[in-house]
Every structure is written in C-alpha cells, then in structure tokens.
C-alpha cells in the first residue's frame, strides 16, 4: 500500500476504526470505510486518478484505477 502512496494510519484518531466494509445506503453496495479507506481515497486524488465534486459525494474517475494498482 505504501508504494501506492497510501499512508497507513498507525494510531487511531479520535477512536476511528482502521478499516471496515461500510454499506452505502444510496448505492446499496459496500466500500472501504475507516482510516484506511480515507487514506486510499487521498492517494487516488493525489495521483490524479479521481477527483471529488464540491459539496457532493460524487467522484469522477480520471484515469483507470487498474493503472494505480499496477504501479
């Protein structure tokens, strides 16, 4: 994960869970929640793979995520 630019959170911040499957109530699908999920999202944004829409939960995939994983 670190070679992909994901900073592994070593300490719990404010009691936040490290990683869990979080069910999205809108999409009825699971995504990676917790500190690890947040850091993966930051790495994807930093690498130019996704972008966030302001004041929204919508993301735009700019480059194939597969390319990020295969780095």
Protein backbone atom coordinates (compact mmCIF):
# COMPACT_ATOMS: atom_id res chain seq x y z
CA UNK A 1 0.00 0.00 0.00
CA UNK A 2 2.80 2.40 0.81
CA UNK A 3 4.28 2.09 -2.70
CA UNK A 4 0.87 3.22 -4.00
CA UNK A 5 1.12 6.38 -1.92
CA UNK A 6 -1.23 5.20 0.84
CA UNK A 7 -0.11 6.39 4.26
CA UNK A 8 -1.02 3.58 6.63
CA UNK A 9 -2.52 5.14 9.76
CA UNK A 10 -0.69 3.66 12.75
CA UNK A 11 -2.56 5.45 15.51
CA UNK A 12 -6.28 5.64 15.95
CA UNK A 13 -7.50 9.16 15.60
CA UNK A 14 -10.47 10.02 17.76
CA UNK A 15 -11.44 6.35 18.06
CA UNK A 16 -11.80 5.89 14.29
CA UNK A 17 -11.84 2.28 13.10
CA UNK A 18 -8.87 1.26 10.92
CA UNK A 19 -10.86 -0.46 8.13
CA UNK A 20 -14.29 -1.99 7.63
CA UNK A 21 -16.84 -2.72 4.93
CA UNK A 22 -19.21 0.22 5.01
CA UNK A 23 -22.56 -0.17 3.25
CA UNK A 24 -23.56 2.83 1.18
CA UNK A 25 -27.24 3.43 1.80
CA UNK A 26 -27.77 5.08 -1.59
CA UNK A 27 -25.99 2.56 -3.81
CA UNK A 28 -26.69 -0.50 -1.61
CA UNK A 29 -23.06 -1.56 -2.10
CA UNK A 30 -20.07 -1.79 0.23
CA UNK A 31 -16.99 0.40 0.12
CA UNK A 32 -13.82 0.56 2.22
CA UNK A 33 -14.53 2.65 5.29
CA UNK A 34 -12.39 3.89 8.17
CA UNK A 35 -8.94 5.42 8.28
CA UNK A 36 -7.58 3.13 5.57
CA UNK A 37 -10.42 3.97 3.18
CA UNK A 38 -9.78 7.67 3.72
CA UNK A 39 -6.06 7.29 3.00
CA UNK A 40 -6.70 5.24 -0.15
CA UNK A 41 -9.02 7.99 -1.40
CA UNK A 42 -6.38 10.66 -0.66
CA UNK A 43 -3.77 8.65 -2.61
CA UNK A 44 -6.13 8.29 -5.58
CA UNK A 45 -6.83 12.03 -5.58
CA UNK A 46 -3.12 12.86 -5.17
CA UNK A 47 -2.21 10.57 -8.06
CA UNK A 48 -4.76 12.20 -10.33
CA UNK A 49 -6.90 9.06 -10.61
CA UNK A 50 -10.09 10.53 -9.17
CA UNK A 51 -11.50 13.95 -8.36
CA UNK A 52 -14.20 14.99 -5.93
CA UNK A 53 -17.15 17.19 -6.74
CA UNK A 54 -17.51 20.11 -4.33
CA UNK A 55 -20.29 19.72 -1.72
CA UNK A 56 -21.16 16.27 -3.06
CA UNK A 57 -20.36 12.59 -2.58
CA UNK A 58 -19.81 12.23 -6.32
CA UNK A 59 -16.35 11.33 -7.62
CA UNK A 60 -15.08 11.35 -11.18
CA UNK A 61 -12.66 8.66 -12.32
CA UNK A 62 -10.00 10.40 -14.41
CA UNK A 63 -7.61 7.50 -15.05
CA UNK A 64 -8.30 3.76 -14.74
CA UNK A 65 -7.92 2.63 -11.11
CA UNK A 66 -6.33 -0.55 -12.52
CA UNK A 67 -3.34 1.60 -13.56
CA UNK A 68 -2.92 2.77 -9.95
CA UNK A 69 -2.96 -0.78 -8.60
CA UNK A 70 -0.42 -1.97 -11.18
CA UNK A 71 2.09 0.81 -10.41
